[in-house]
N, C-alpha and C. Protein backbone atom coordinates (compact mmCIF):
# COMPACT_ATOMS: atom_id res chain seq x y z
N MET A 1 -98.42 43.56 -0.76
CA MET A 1 -99.28 43.35 -2.01
C MET A 1 -98.67 43.82 -3.10
N LYS A 2 -97.94 45.39 -3.24
CA LYS A 2 -97.63 45.65 -4.54
C LYS A 2 -96.72 45.07 -5.12
N LYS A 3 -95.77 44.52 -4.09
CA LYS A 3 -94.39 43.30 -4.71
C LYS A 3 -95.16 42.00 -5.46
N ILE A 4 -96.51 41.71 -4.82
CA ILE A 4 -96.81 40.35 -5.41
C ILE A 4 -97.48 40.71 -6.77
N ILE A 5 -98.08 42.08 -7.01
CA ILE A 5 -98.71 42.36 -8.46
C ILE A 5 -97.73 42.70 -9.38
N LEU A 6 -96.74 43.37 -8.85
CA LEU A 6 -95.70 43.79 -9.92
C LEU A 6 -95.11 42.02 -10.21
N SER A 7 -94.78 41.20 -9.07
CA SER A 7 -94.09 39.77 -9.56
C SER A 7 -95.21 39.22 -10.41
N LEU A 8 -96.40 39.28 -10.44
CA LEU A 8 -97.58 38.53 -11.16
C LEU A 8 -97.32 39.25 -12.67
N ILE A 9 -97.08 40.57 -12.61
CA ILE A 9 -96.80 41.33 -14.14
C ILE A 9 -95.71 41.01 -14.91
N ILE A 10 -94.50 40.65 -14.16
CA ILE A 10 -93.48 40.34 -14.76
C ILE A 10 -93.44 38.77 -15.01
N ILE A 11 -94.01 37.99 -14.30
CA ILE A 11 -94.06 36.64 -14.84
C ILE A 11 -95.02 36.55 -16.01
N THR A 12 -96.06 37.06 -15.97
CA THR A 12 -97.16 36.99 -17.22
C THR A 12 -96.18 37.56 -18.37
N THR A 13 -95.50 38.79 -18.26
CA THR A 13 -95.07 39.32 -19.21
C THR A 13 -93.79 38.20 -19.98
N LEU A 14 -93.20 37.97 -19.40
CA LEU A 14 -92.05 36.69 -19.40
C LEU A 14 -92.77 35.65 -20.02
N ILE A 15 -93.79 34.89 -19.38
CA ILE A 15 -94.41 33.70 -20.11
C ILE A 15 -95.07 34.11 -21.50
N GLY A 16 -95.67 35.36 -21.47
CA GLY A 16 -96.44 35.54 -22.81
C GLY A 16 -95.32 35.82 -23.87
N CYS A 17 -94.06 36.52 -23.78
CA CYS A 17 -92.97 36.84 -24.67
C CYS A 17 -92.42 35.55 -25.19
N GLY A 18 -92.69 34.70 -24.10
CA GLY A 18 -91.69 32.94 -24.49
C GLY A 18 -92.02 32.55 -25.86
N ALA A 19 -93.34 32.39 -26.17
CA ALA A 19 -93.66 31.85 -27.32
C ALA A 19 -93.47 32.66 -28.59
N TYR A 20 -92.97 34.03 -28.49
CA TYR A 20 -92.75 34.74 -29.77
C TYR A 20 -91.29 34.67 -30.24
N SER A 21 -91.24 34.52 -31.55
CA SER A 21 -89.91 34.19 -32.34
C SER A 21 -89.36 35.65 -32.79
N PHE A 22 -88.28 36.28 -32.48
CA PHE A 22 -87.93 37.37 -33.06
C PHE A 22 -87.58 37.06 -34.52
N THR A 23 -87.17 36.21 -35.13
CA THR A 23 -86.89 35.69 -36.12
C THR A 23 -88.12 35.78 -37.02
N GLY A 24 -89.13 35.18 -36.78
CA GLY A 24 -90.76 35.33 -37.67
C GLY A 24 -90.70 33.99 -38.03
N GLY A 25 -90.13 32.82 -37.49
CA GLY A 25 -89.84 31.56 -38.02
C GLY A 25 -90.78 30.74 -37.03
N ASN A 26 -91.70 29.81 -37.41
CA ASN A 26 -92.51 29.00 -36.69
C ASN A 26 -92.10 27.58 -37.49
N THR A 27 -91.61 26.68 -36.42
CA THR A 27 -91.19 25.30 -36.67
C THR A 27 -92.07 24.22 -36.28
N GLY A 28 -93.25 24.81 -35.59
CA GLY A 28 -94.19 24.02 -34.92
C GLY A 28 -93.55 22.84 -33.95
N ASP A 29 -94.13 21.93 -34.05
CA ASP A 29 -93.56 20.42 -33.12
C ASP A 29 -92.27 20.21 -33.76
N ALA A 30 -91.70 20.70 -34.76
CA ALA A 30 -90.42 20.10 -35.41
C ALA A 30 -89.32 20.30 -34.64
N LYS A 31 -88.58 19.38 -34.39
CA LYS A 31 -87.31 19.18 -33.40
C LYS A 31 -85.99 19.03 -34.33
N THR A 32 -85.94 18.72 -35.46
CA THR A 32 -84.71 18.12 -36.49
C THR A 32 -84.79 18.91 -37.64
N ILE A 33 -83.85 19.32 -38.16
CA ILE A 33 -83.81 19.66 -39.86
C ILE A 33 -82.77 18.90 -40.39
N GLN A 34 -83.07 18.63 -41.58
CA GLN A 34 -82.05 17.74 -42.63
C GLN A 34 -81.85 18.73 -43.75
N ILE A 35 -80.75 19.01 -43.94
CA ILE A 35 -80.53 19.85 -45.04
C ILE A 35 -79.34 18.98 -45.94
N ASP A 36 -79.99 18.54 -47.16
CA ASP A 36 -79.06 17.50 -48.04
C ASP A 36 -78.01 18.70 -48.85
N PHE A 37 -77.01 18.24 -49.33
CA PHE A 37 -75.90 18.67 -50.30
C PHE A 37 -76.65 19.05 -51.18
N PHE A 38 -76.37 20.44 -51.98
CA PHE A 38 -77.10 20.85 -52.90
C PHE A 38 -76.10 20.82 -53.94
N PRO A 39 -76.14 19.74 -55.06
CA PRO A 39 -75.15 19.98 -56.22
C PRO A 39 -75.37 21.02 -56.89
N ASN A 40 -74.55 21.14 -57.72
CA ASN A 40 -74.37 22.04 -58.48
C ASN A 40 -74.49 21.87 -60.30
N GLN A 41 -75.79 21.75 -60.75
CA GLN A 41 -76.02 21.38 -61.94
C GLN A 41 -76.55 22.28 -63.13
N ALA A 42 -75.90 23.35 -62.69
CA ALA A 42 -75.62 24.54 -63.82
C ALA A 42 -75.03 24.52 -64.91
N PRO A 43 -75.27 25.18 -65.98
CA PRO A 43 -74.37 24.94 -67.24
C PRO A 43 -73.06 25.51 -66.98
N LEU A 44 -72.73 26.63 -66.17
CA LEU A 44 -71.45 27.49 -65.33
C LEU A 44 -71.51 26.77 -64.45
N VAL A 45 -70.33 26.24 -63.73
CA VAL A 45 -70.26 25.88 -62.66
C VAL A 45 -69.24 26.52 -61.61
N GLU A 46 -69.42 27.29 -60.89
CA GLU A 46 -68.56 28.03 -59.63
C GLU A 46 -68.30 26.62 -58.63
N PRO A 47 -67.18 26.27 -58.13
CA PRO A 47 -66.66 25.17 -57.66
C PRO A 47 -67.03 24.94 -56.38
N ALA A 48 -67.08 26.31 -55.55
CA ALA A 48 -67.07 26.45 -54.09
C ALA A 48 -68.74 26.80 -53.81
N LEU A 49 -69.61 26.90 -54.89
CA LEU A 49 -70.89 27.57 -54.60
C LEU A 49 -71.55 26.47 -53.92
N THR A 50 -71.56 25.10 -54.21
CA THR A 50 -72.34 23.93 -53.68
C THR A 50 -72.09 23.84 -52.24
N GLN A 51 -70.62 23.77 -51.89
CA GLN A 51 -70.53 23.47 -50.29
C GLN A 51 -71.01 24.92 -49.59
N ARG A 52 -70.68 26.35 -50.39
CA ARG A 52 -71.19 27.33 -49.56
C ARG A 52 -72.37 27.43 -49.56
N PHE A 53 -73.26 27.34 -50.51
CA PHE A 53 -74.65 27.46 -50.25
C PHE A 53 -75.22 26.42 -49.33
N THR A 54 -74.96 25.36 -49.09
CA THR A 54 -75.61 24.25 -48.29
C THR A 54 -74.96 24.43 -46.97
N ASN A 55 -74.03 24.84 -46.40
CA ASN A 55 -73.26 25.66 -45.64
C ASN A 55 -74.27 26.91 -44.77
N GLU A 56 -74.56 27.80 -45.72
CA GLU A 56 -75.13 28.95 -45.18
C GLU A 56 -76.46 28.82 -45.29
N LEU A 57 -77.18 27.65 -45.73
CA LEU A 57 -78.39 27.43 -45.56
C LEU A 57 -78.72 26.70 -44.00
N GLN A 58 -77.86 25.85 -43.89
CA GLN A 58 -77.67 24.99 -42.39
C GLN A 58 -77.34 26.08 -41.58
N ASP A 59 -76.51 27.10 -41.64
CA ASP A 59 -76.09 27.95 -40.64
C ASP A 59 -77.67 28.86 -40.42
N LEU A 60 -78.02 29.24 -41.07
CA LEU A 60 -79.30 30.24 -41.05
C LEU A 60 -80.35 29.44 -40.12
N PHE A 61 -80.44 28.25 -40.27
CA PHE A 61 -81.65 27.32 -39.63
C PHE A 61 -81.00 27.15 -38.28
N THR A 62 -80.06 26.87 -38.23
CA THR A 62 -79.39 26.49 -36.95
C THR A 62 -79.49 27.86 -35.98
N ARG A 63 -79.19 28.97 -36.63
CA ARG A 63 -78.68 30.29 -35.97
C ARG A 63 -80.00 30.77 -35.36
N GLN A 64 -81.25 30.78 -36.32
CA GLN A 64 -82.65 31.33 -36.24
C GLN A 64 -83.59 30.72 -35.78
N THR A 65 -83.34 29.19 -35.18
CA THR A 65 -84.55 28.21 -35.01
C THR A 65 -83.46 27.34 -33.92
N ASN A 66 -84.54 26.70 -33.48
CA ASN A 66 -84.19 25.68 -32.06
C ASN A 66 -84.06 24.17 -32.70
N LEU A 67 -83.71 24.13 -34.01
CA LEU A 67 -84.02 22.93 -34.41
C LEU A 67 -82.46 22.39 -34.37
N THR A 68 -82.31 20.92 -34.41
CA THR A 68 -81.14 20.09 -34.23
C THR A 68 -80.60 19.76 -35.91
N LEU A 69 -79.51 19.95 -36.15
CA LEU A 69 -79.27 19.39 -37.70
C LEU A 69 -79.15 17.94 -37.42
N THR A 70 -79.64 17.22 -38.43
CA THR A 70 -79.52 15.96 -38.58
C THR A 70 -79.22 15.50 -39.85
N ASN A 71 -78.67 14.08 -40.17
CA ASN A 71 -78.29 13.55 -41.60
C ASN A 71 -79.32 13.11 -42.11
N SER A 72 -80.44 12.43 -41.36
CA SER A 72 -81.54 11.68 -41.87
C SER A 72 -82.45 11.83 -41.11
N ASN A 73 -83.75 11.51 -41.74
CA ASN A 73 -85.17 11.45 -41.14
C ASN A 73 -85.40 12.82 -40.17
N GLY A 74 -84.92 14.00 -40.81
CA GLY A 74 -85.50 15.30 -40.15
C GLY A 74 -87.06 15.39 -40.17
N ASP A 75 -87.49 16.26 -39.56
CA ASP A 75 -88.84 16.61 -39.24
C ASP A 75 -88.96 17.64 -40.26
N LEU A 76 -87.98 18.18 -40.58
CA LEU A 76 -88.01 19.36 -41.95
C LEU A 76 -86.81 19.03 -42.66
N HIS A 77 -87.47 18.70 -44.04
CA HIS A 77 -86.05 18.23 -45.00
C HIS A 77 -86.04 19.28 -46.14
N PHE A 78 -84.73 19.63 -46.61
CA PHE A 78 -84.59 20.21 -47.63
C PHE A 78 -83.69 19.36 -48.69
N SER A 79 -83.71 19.40 -49.58
CA SER A 79 -83.02 18.99 -50.67
C SER A 79 -83.13 19.83 -52.21
N GLY A 80 -82.40 19.47 -53.10
CA GLY A 80 -82.42 20.37 -54.06
C GLY A 80 -81.12 20.56 -55.04
N GLU A 81 -81.11 21.33 -55.81
CA GLU A 81 -80.00 21.58 -56.38
C GLU A 81 -79.67 23.02 -57.17
N ILE A 82 -78.59 23.28 -57.38
CA ILE A 82 -78.30 24.67 -57.94
C ILE A 82 -78.44 24.32 -59.86
N THR A 83 -79.31 24.95 -60.08
CA THR A 83 -79.70 24.96 -61.16
C THR A 83 -79.13 26.03 -62.38
N GLY A 84 -78.80 27.26 -61.85
CA GLY A 84 -78.35 28.43 -62.69
C GLY A 84 -77.35 29.28 -61.85
N TYR A 85 -76.29 29.49 -62.64
CA TYR A 85 -75.49 30.55 -62.58
C TYR A 85 -74.84 31.06 -63.73
N ARG A 86 -75.04 32.22 -63.68
CA ARG A 86 -74.89 32.76 -65.24
C ARG A 86 -74.61 34.39 -65.16
N VAL A 87 -73.59 35.08 -65.73
CA VAL A 87 -73.69 36.46 -66.01
C VAL A 87 -73.80 36.86 -67.31
N THR A 88 -74.80 38.22 -67.29
CA THR A 88 -75.27 38.62 -68.25
C THR A 88 -74.95 40.09 -68.09
N PRO A 89 -74.91 40.75 -69.34
CA PRO A 89 -74.87 42.06 -69.58
C PRO A 89 -75.92 43.03 -69.18
N MET A 90 -75.67 43.91 -68.39
CA MET A 90 -77.27 44.63 -67.78
C MET A 90 -77.11 45.89 -68.36
N SER A 91 -76.26 46.73 -68.44
CA SER A 91 -76.63 48.09 -68.81
C SER A 91 -75.43 48.54 -69.96
N GLY A 92 -75.71 49.22 -71.10
CA GLY A 92 -75.09 49.17 -72.02
C GLY A 92 -74.50 50.90 -72.09
N THR A 93 -73.09 51.18 -72.97
CA THR A 93 -72.61 52.45 -72.90
C THR A 93 -72.96 53.20 -74.17
N SER A 94 -72.71 54.25 -74.24
CA SER A 94 -72.62 54.90 -75.81
C SER A 94 -71.94 54.33 -76.68
N ASP A 95 -70.68 53.69 -76.53
CA ASP A 95 -69.95 52.95 -77.44
C ASP A 95 -70.59 51.28 -77.55
N GLN A 96 -71.78 50.94 -77.00
CA GLN A 96 -72.36 49.83 -77.34
C GLN A 96 -71.39 48.76 -76.47
N THR A 97 -71.09 48.87 -75.44
CA THR A 97 -70.20 48.14 -74.39
C THR A 97 -71.15 47.93 -73.35
N ALA A 98 -70.72 47.04 -72.55
CA ALA A 98 -71.66 46.87 -71.35
C ALA A 98 -70.79 47.41 -70.35
N ALA A 99 -71.89 48.32 -69.43
CA ALA A 99 -71.36 49.15 -68.08
C ALA A 99 -71.14 48.14 -66.98
N GLN A 100 -72.09 47.40 -67.01
CA GLN A 100 -72.48 46.76 -65.80
C GLN A 100 -72.94 45.06 -66.20
N ASN A 101 -72.38 44.17 -65.40
CA ASN A 101 -72.74 42.80 -65.71
C ASN A 101 -73.67 42.39 -64.46
N ARG A 102 -74.17 41.36 -64.44
CA ARG A 102 -75.26 40.64 -63.27
C ARG A 102 -74.94 39.16 -63.21
N LEU A 103 -74.54 38.74 -62.03
CA LEU A 103 -74.46 37.42 -61.70
C LEU A 103 -75.64 36.95 -60.89
N THR A 104 -76.27 35.99 -61.71
CA THR A 104 -77.75 35.43 -61.07
C THR A 104 -77.41 33.97 -60.88
N VAL A 105 -77.52 33.68 -59.56
CA VAL A 105 -77.97 32.22 -59.03
C VAL A 105 -79.21 31.60 -58.98
N THR A 106 -79.61 30.31 -59.26
CA THR A 106 -80.73 30.08 -59.30
C THR A 106 -80.77 28.74 -58.61
N VAL A 107 -81.64 28.33 -57.67
CA VAL A 107 -81.74 27.15 -56.79
C VAL A 107 -82.96 26.68 -56.88
N ASN A 108 -83.15 25.19 -57.08
CA ASN A 108 -84.26 24.38 -56.93
C ASN A 108 -84.28 23.94 -55.75
N VAL A 109 -85.31 24.23 -54.67
CA VAL A 109 -85.41 23.64 -53.49
C VAL A 109 -86.68 22.86 -53.37
N ARG A 110 -86.63 21.63 -52.84
CA ARG A 110 -87.87 20.85 -52.18
C ARG A 110 -87.67 20.83 -50.63
N PHE A 111 -88.78 21.24 -50.23
CA PHE A 111 -89.18 21.66 -48.97
C PHE A 111 -89.98 20.40 -48.41
N GLU A 112 -89.92 19.41 -47.24
CA GLU A 112 -90.79 18.49 -46.85
C GLU A 112 -90.70 18.71 -45.17
N ASN A 113 -92.07 18.91 -44.98
CA ASN A 113 -92.25 19.02 -43.48
C ASN A 113 -93.13 17.82 -43.11
N LYS A 114 -92.56 16.86 -42.46
CA LYS A 114 -93.00 15.71 -42.35
C LYS A 114 -94.33 15.58 -41.19
N LEU A 115 -94.29 16.82 -40.45
CA LEU A 115 -95.19 16.98 -39.44
C LEU A 115 -96.78 17.68 -39.83
N GLU A 116 -96.26 18.70 -40.98
CA GLU A 116 -97.17 19.37 -41.78
C GLU A 116 -97.20 19.10 -43.30
N GLU A 117 -97.71 18.15 -43.61
CA GLU A 117 -97.59 18.05 -45.24
C GLU A 117 -97.98 19.14 -46.06
N LYS A 118 -98.88 19.83 -45.68
CA LYS A 118 -99.72 20.87 -46.43
C LYS A 118 -98.57 22.10 -46.81
N ASP A 119 -97.42 21.98 -45.95
CA ASP A 119 -96.47 22.96 -46.12
C ASP A 119 -95.28 22.81 -47.28
N ASP A 120 -95.60 21.35 -47.69
CA ASP A 120 -94.41 21.13 -48.93
C ASP A 120 -94.48 21.76 -49.88
N PHE A 121 -93.55 21.99 -50.48
CA PHE A 121 -93.16 22.80 -51.87
C PHE A 121 -92.01 22.32 -52.60
N GLU A 122 -92.07 22.36 -53.87
CA GLU A 122 -90.57 22.48 -54.67
C GLU A 122 -90.93 24.02 -55.26
N LYS A 123 -89.89 24.66 -55.44
CA LYS A 123 -89.76 25.86 -55.81
C LYS A 123 -88.22 26.51 -56.27
N ASN A 124 -88.31 27.24 -57.26
CA ASN A 124 -87.30 27.94 -57.83
C ASN A 124 -86.83 29.13 -56.77
N PHE A 125 -85.38 29.23 -56.38
CA PHE A 125 -85.28 30.71 -55.82
C PHE A 125 -84.27 31.12 -56.85
N SER A 126 -84.01 32.53 -57.14
CA SER A 126 -83.15 33.21 -57.70
C SER A 126 -82.74 34.49 -57.20
N TYR A 127 -81.38 34.73 -57.13
CA TYR A 127 -81.26 36.24 -56.89
C TYR A 127 -79.87 36.80 -57.48
N TYR A 128 -79.45 37.51 -57.63
CA TYR A 128 -78.39 38.47 -58.30
C TYR A 128 -77.68 39.48 -57.68
N SER A 129 -76.61 39.83 -57.99
CA SER A 129 -75.68 40.83 -57.72
C SER A 129 -74.92 41.53 -59.07
N ASP A 130 -75.07 43.08 -59.20
CA ASP A 130 -74.61 43.71 -60.35
C ASP A 130 -73.27 43.81 -59.94
N PHE A 131 -72.43 43.89 -60.65
CA PHE A 131 -71.01 44.49 -60.70
C PHE A 131 -70.60 45.04 -61.98
N ASP A 132 -69.53 45.65 -61.88
CA ASP A 132 -68.87 46.77 -63.08
C ASP A 132 -68.37 45.92 -63.92
N ALA A 133 -68.44 46.23 -65.35
CA ALA A 133 -68.38 45.28 -66.25
C ALA A 133 -66.70 45.15 -66.39
N ASN A 134 -66.02 46.26 -66.36
CA ASN A 134 -64.32 46.32 -66.51
C ASN A 134 -63.84 45.16 -65.40
N SER A 135 -64.44 44.92 -64.10
CA SER A 135 -63.95 44.18 -63.22
C SER A 135 -64.07 42.53 -63.61
N GLN A 136 -63.27 41.69 -63.35
CA GLN A 136 -63.11 40.29 -63.17
C GLN A 136 -64.06 39.66 -62.25
N LEU A 137 -64.62 38.73 -62.57
CA LEU A 137 -65.70 38.19 -61.50
C LEU A 137 -64.67 37.14 -60.77
N THR A 138 -63.71 37.57 -60.19
CA THR A 138 -62.93 36.75 -59.52
C THR A 138 -62.71 37.59 -57.81
N GLY A 139 -61.56 36.38 -56.89
CA GLY A 139 -61.37 37.39 -55.69
C GLY A 139 -62.58 38.34 -55.00
N SER A 140 -62.35 39.34 -54.58
CA SER A 140 -63.17 40.03 -53.51
C SER A 140 -64.56 40.40 -54.43
N ILE A 141 -64.47 40.42 -55.74
CA ILE A 141 -65.77 41.00 -56.41
C ILE A 141 -66.81 39.45 -56.53
N LEU A 142 -66.24 38.42 -56.46
CA LEU A 142 -66.86 37.33 -56.69
C LEU A 142 -67.46 37.05 -55.26
N GLU A 143 -66.62 37.15 -54.29
CA GLU A 143 -66.92 36.82 -52.78
C GLU A 143 -68.20 37.65 -52.59
N ASN A 144 -67.91 38.90 -52.65
CA ASN A 144 -68.89 40.05 -52.54
C ASN A 144 -70.26 39.92 -53.06
N ALA A 145 -70.25 39.36 -54.54
CA ALA A 145 -71.46 38.88 -55.04
C ALA A 145 -72.09 37.93 -54.58
N LEU A 146 -71.18 36.86 -54.12
CA LEU A 146 -71.71 35.55 -53.60
C LEU A 146 -72.36 35.96 -51.94
N ASP A 147 -71.62 36.53 -51.37
CA ASP A 147 -72.15 36.96 -50.21
C ASP A 147 -73.50 37.69 -50.51
N GLU A 148 -73.97 38.47 -50.96
CA GLU A 148 -75.03 39.42 -51.08
C GLU A 148 -76.24 38.34 -51.53
N ILE A 149 -75.79 37.36 -52.74
CA ILE A 149 -76.58 36.53 -53.54
C ILE A 149 -77.13 35.37 -52.47
N LEU A 150 -76.35 34.87 -51.54
CA LEU A 150 -76.57 33.67 -50.81
C LEU A 150 -77.02 34.20 -49.38
N ASP A 151 -77.24 35.40 -49.13
CA ASP A 151 -77.43 35.73 -48.06
C ASP A 151 -79.05 36.04 -48.45
N ARG A 152 -79.62 36.59 -49.65
CA ARG A 152 -80.98 36.55 -49.86
C ARG A 152 -81.48 35.55 -50.13
N LEU A 153 -80.79 34.41 -50.73
CA LEU A 153 -81.36 33.06 -51.43
C LEU A 153 -81.68 32.51 -50.02
N THR A 154 -81.00 32.35 -49.14
CA THR A 154 -81.19 31.62 -47.78
C THR A 154 -82.22 32.23 -47.04
N GLN A 155 -82.43 33.44 -47.01
CA GLN A 155 -83.40 34.06 -46.15
C GLN A 155 -84.61 33.88 -47.10
N ASP A 156 -84.79 33.96 -48.21
CA ASP A 156 -85.98 33.82 -48.99
C ASP A 156 -86.57 32.19 -48.79
N ILE A 157 -85.69 31.51 -48.77
CA ILE A 157 -85.99 30.00 -48.56
C ILE A 157 -86.38 29.80 -46.90
N PHE A 158 -85.50 30.33 -46.21
CA PHE A 158 -86.41 30.57 -44.56
C PHE A 158 -87.70 30.93 -44.64
N ASN A 159 -87.68 31.97 -45.17
CA ASN A 159 -88.94 32.88 -45.17
C ASN A 159 -90.13 32.02 -45.64
N ALA A 160 -89.94 31.34 -46.87
CA ALA A 160 -91.01 30.40 -47.72
C ALA A 160 -91.35 29.02 -46.87
N SER A 161 -90.17 28.78 -45.94
CA SER A 161 -90.61 27.35 -45.29
C SER A 161 -91.07 27.73 -43.71
N VAL A 162 -90.54 28.34 -43.25
CA VAL A 162 -90.84 28.14 -41.65
C VAL A 162 -91.31 29.63 -41.35
N ALA A 163 -91.37 30.66 -42.28
CA ALA A 163 -91.89 32.13 -41.63
C ALA A 163 -93.26 32.16 -42.56
N LYS A 164 -93.22 31.61 -43.65
CA LYS A 164 -94.75 31.55 -44.34
C LYS A 164 -94.85 32.79 -45.04
N TRP A 165 -93.76 33.21 -45.46
CA TRP A 165 -94.06 34.66 -46.25
C TRP A 165 -94.07 34.41 -47.75
């Protein structure tokens, strides 16, 4: 008798936890996702940014959901463009020079949920990374800045579209 009750508790727990997503994403009845190439239309262009952003957005959704990536007619569809890539001085020193610079990337995203049209949006997402003004924005400094920015941008897009944050 005790084994039956214990078995029922374990089965109920496993079934109850099956619908929960640890990522917080809710894709509903969607089975496929289409993420178009995001062209760089910013006044200042970083050549690798377009491919890198698109790949990271695709990777995030395929890692954190059970959606299948498709090239057309996805239940969920992302399109858009990179609209901003700029470096600005952030903090000054006593001799009126910049002590820190900020790289900011802005992306315009159009999200279409073919199964739930009320979830559709077009929105700008922006994030930044600060770096020492005496450093050149190349090599590992650029890589680290883009890692930080793209991690945050893709997570913000994920949250806005399927996590509903």
